[in-house]
Protein backbone atom coordinates (compact mmCIF):
# COMPACT_ATOMS: atom_id res chain seq x y z
CA MET A 1 -12.10 -4.46 5.42
CA LEU A 2 -12.04 -1.16 7.30
CA VAL A 3 -15.79 -1.47 7.69
CA ASN A 4 -15.18 -4.68 9.63
CA VAL A 5 -12.76 -2.86 11.90
CA THR A 6 -14.96 0.14 12.53
CA ARG A 7 -18.47 -1.37 12.53
CA HIS A 8 -20.52 -0.54 15.66
CA ASN A 9 -21.75 -4.02 16.46
CA SER A 10 -19.28 -5.44 18.94
CA ARG A 11 -17.08 -4.51 21.86
CA VAL A 12 -15.66 -1.02 22.14
CA LEU A 13 -12.04 -0.48 23.12
CA PRO A 14 -10.39 2.78 24.18
CA SER A 15 -8.32 4.11 21.30
CA HIS A 16 -4.98 3.75 23.11
CA GLN A 17 -5.54 -0.02 23.55
CA LEU A 18 -6.71 -0.47 20.01
CA TYR A 19 -3.93 1.58 18.45
CA ASN A 20 -1.36 -1.23 18.44
CA ILE A 21 -3.87 -3.80 17.23
CA ILE A 22 -4.98 -1.77 14.25
CA VAL A 23 -1.77 0.00 13.32
CA ASN A 24 0.15 -3.25 13.32
CA SER A 25 -2.42 -5.25 11.40
CA VAL A 26 -5.40 -3.94 9.47
CA VAL A 27 -4.19 -0.41 8.78
CA PHE A 28 -0.82 -1.73 7.69
CA GLN A 29 -2.48 -4.20 5.31
CA VAL A 30 -4.63 -1.41 3.85
CA LEU A 31 -1.60 0.84 3.38
CA LYS A 32 0.40 -1.94 1.74
CA GLU A 33 -2.46 -2.72 -0.63
CA ALA A 34 -2.88 0.97 -1.50
CA MET A 35 0.87 1.21 -2.18
CA ARG A 36 0.69 -1.96 -4.26
CA LEU A 37 -1.88 -0.37 -6.55
CA PHE A 38 -0.34 3.11 -6.41
CA PRO A 39 3.36 2.76 -5.52
CA PRO A 40 4.80 6.03 -4.24
CA VAL A 41 8.01 5.51 -6.24
CA PRO A 42 6.79 4.52 -9.71
CA VAL A 43 10.12 3.68 -11.36
CA HIS A 44 13.41 2.26 -10.06
CA PHE A 45 16.63 2.65 -12.06
CA ARG A 46 19.55 0.31 -11.46
CA GLY A 47 22.73 -0.76 -13.17
CA ALA A 48 23.79 -4.41 -13.34
CA ILE A 49 27.19 -4.57 -11.65
CA LYS A 50 27.69 -8.13 -12.89
CA GLU A 51 26.09 -10.40 -15.45
CA ILE A 52 22.67 -11.67 -14.36
CA ASP A 53 21.25 -14.96 -15.62
CA LEU A 54 17.46 -14.73 -15.55
CA GLY A 55 17.07 -18.31 -16.77
CA HIS A 56 15.54 -19.64 -20.00
CA GLY A 57 18.46 -18.16 -21.97
CA HIS A 58 17.87 -14.57 -20.81
CA ILE A 59 21.04 -12.82 -19.64
CA ILE A 60 21.51 -9.21 -18.56
CA PRO A 61 25.12 -8.19 -19.28
CA ALA A 62 27.17 -6.36 -16.67
CA GLY A 63 26.86 -2.59 -17.05
CA THR A 64 23.30 -2.74 -18.44
CA ASN A 65 20.90 -0.09 -17.19
CA ILE A 66 17.74 -1.64 -15.76
CA ILE A 67 14.37 0.01 -15.30
CA MET A 68 11.88 -1.61 -12.91
CA VAL A 69 8.28 -0.42 -12.84
CA PRO A 70 6.49 -1.38 -9.59
CA TYR A 71 3.17 -0.16 -11.00
CA ILE A 72 3.36 -3.09 -13.47
CA ILE A 73 5.17 -5.59 -11.23
CA HIS A 74 2.58 -5.08 -8.47
CA ARG A 75 -0.14 -6.09 -10.93
CA ASP A 76 1.43 -9.43 -11.87
CA PRO A 77 -1.24 -12.11 -11.27
CA ARG A 78 1.46 -14.69 -10.44
CA TYR A 79 2.07 -12.80 -7.18
CA PHE A 80 -1.22 -10.95 -6.73
CA PRO A 81 -4.28 -12.89 -7.94
CA ASP A 82 -7.04 -10.63 -9.31
CA PRO A 83 -4.47 -7.79 -9.34
CA GLU A 84 -6.86 -4.90 -10.10
CA LYS A 85 -8.99 -5.66 -7.03
CA PHE A 86 -8.31 -3.71 -3.81
CA ASP A 87 -7.83 -6.56 -1.31
CA PRO A 88 -5.83 -5.76 1.85
CA GLU A 89 -6.16 -9.41 2.95
CA ARG A 90 -3.48 -10.30 0.40
CA PHE A 91 -1.01 -8.77 2.91
CA SER A 92 -2.17 -10.80 5.90
CA PRO A 93 0.63 -12.94 7.33
CA GLN A 94 -0.86 -16.17 5.97
CA ASN A 95 -1.36 -14.74 2.46
CA SER A 96 2.15 -13.23 2.31
CA VAL A 97 3.97 -16.51 2.89
CA GLY A 98 6.00 -17.60 -0.12
CA ARG A 99 5.59 -14.38 -2.11
CA HIS A 100 8.79 -13.40 -3.91
CA PRO A 101 10.52 -10.67 -1.86
CA TYR A 102 10.79 -8.41 -4.93
CA ALA A 103 7.16 -8.76 -6.00
CA TYR A 104 6.29 -5.82 -3.75
CA THR A 105 8.68 -2.85 -3.88
CA PRO A 106 6.81 0.43 -3.30
CA PHE A 107 9.94 2.18 -1.99
CA GLY A 108 12.56 0.31 -3.97
CA ILE A 109 14.77 -2.55 -2.86
CA GLY A 110 18.22 -3.26 -1.54
CA ARG A 111 20.88 -0.68 -0.72
CA ARG A 112 19.13 2.01 -2.74
CA MET A 113 15.75 1.69 -1.06
CA CYS A 114 14.17 5.04 -0.16
CA VAL A 115 15.80 6.21 3.07
CA GLY A 116 12.50 7.70 4.23
CA HIS A 117 10.39 4.55 3.82
CA VAL A 118 10.16 3.82 7.56
CA PHE A 119 9.18 7.40 8.39
CA ALA A 120 6.69 7.57 5.49
CA THR A 121 5.05 4.30 6.54
CA MET A 122 4.77 5.31 10.19
CA GLU A 123 3.41 8.73 9.22
CA ALA A 124 0.79 7.16 6.94
CA LYS A 125 -0.25 4.62 9.59
CA THR A 126 -0.58 7.37 12.20
CA ILE A 127 -2.62 9.64 9.95
CA LEU A 128 -4.89 6.85 8.71
CA SER A 129 -5.53 5.43 12.19
CA THR A 130 -6.24 8.94 13.54
CA VAL A 131 -8.67 9.75 10.73
CA LEU A 132 -10.45 6.41 11.07
CA ARG A 133 -10.77 6.86 14.81
CA ARG A 134 -12.56 10.18 14.30
CA TYR A 135 -14.35 9.72 10.96
CA ARG A 136 -16.04 7.15 8.78
CA VAL A 137 -14.92 7.28 5.15
CA THR A 138 -18.05 6.77 3.07
CA GLU A 139 -17.00 7.27 -0.54
CA ILE A 140 -14.28 8.25 -2.93
CA GLU A 141 -15.52 10.60 -5.61
CA ASP A 142 -15.31 8.87 -9.01
CA GLY A 143 -13.91 5.74 -7.30
CA ILE A 144 -10.56 4.09 -7.97
CA LYS A 145 -10.98 4.42 -11.74
CA GLY A 146 -11.33 8.19 -11.40
CA LEU A 147 -8.16 8.25 -9.30
CA GLU A 148 -6.23 6.17 -11.86
CA ASP A 149 -7.34 8.47 -14.68
CA THR A 150 -5.77 11.50 -12.96
CA LEU A 151 -2.41 10.08 -11.87
CA LYS A 152 0.62 12.21 -12.62
CA LEU A 153 4.05 10.71 -12.84
CA SER A 154 7.07 12.51 -11.44
CA PHE A 155 9.60 11.47 -8.82
CA VAL A 156 6.60 10.05 -6.98
CA ILE A 157 3.17 9.04 -8.26
CA SER A 158 0.28 11.24 -7.16
CA PRO A 159 -3.24 12.18 -8.20
CA ALA A 160 -3.24 15.39 -10.24
CA LYS A 161 -6.46 16.62 -8.66
CA GLY A 162 -6.05 15.19 -5.15
CA ILE A 163 -8.38 12.59 -3.67
CA ARG A 164 -11.90 13.67 -2.80
CA VAL A 165 -13.49 11.61 -0.02
CA LYS A 166 -16.51 12.08 2.20
CA LEU A 167 -15.82 11.93 5.94
CA VAL A 168 -18.63 11.47 8.46
CA PRO A 169 -17.75 12.28 12.10
CA ARG A 170 -18.05 9.37 14.52
CA SER A 171 -20.32 9.75 17.52
CA HIS A 172 -17.55 8.55 19.90
CA PRO A 173 -14.24 9.67 18.37
CA SER A 174 -12.16 8.41 21.27
CA HIS A 175 -13.34 4.82 20.74
CA ILE A 176 -13.37 2.51 17.77
CA CYS A 177 -15.21 -0.77 17.45
CA VAL A 178 -13.60 -4.08 16.54
CA THR A 179 -15.52 -7.01 15.09
């Protein structure tokens, strides 16, 4: 998908004009898909303040401690077909319609959602759009599988050995091409 955004075969826009287009669409979709596969907050703990009827005879009594695991929920094929595939298009406006609001919870949900989620998202969009404006990302060493094999779980999920990518400088860093 990013290749389609950055390919050098169509019109060239100054970066300041393109910023809003990309940051509010493609980059955001890529970030959401990355956070779907690797949610920054891997586990959410909640307590049921009242009895919850899940249907089909399943009831959670009031006072029960609940553990939600976005890493698993985000891979549910009912909400994300072909869940192991990296597909940012699944977060396009037309593909997001009708998805359960709690099928995607990288920063938690409700009153206890991470207070820094807006800042973290804006920071990630800014960094990613800046890097893509200046560099072409050509490969991830060992691919996604290598990344998954080195994940460490703590308060947030992160790769134990970092992420090794190859960046190739663009010939015109102040411009980016849109297809």
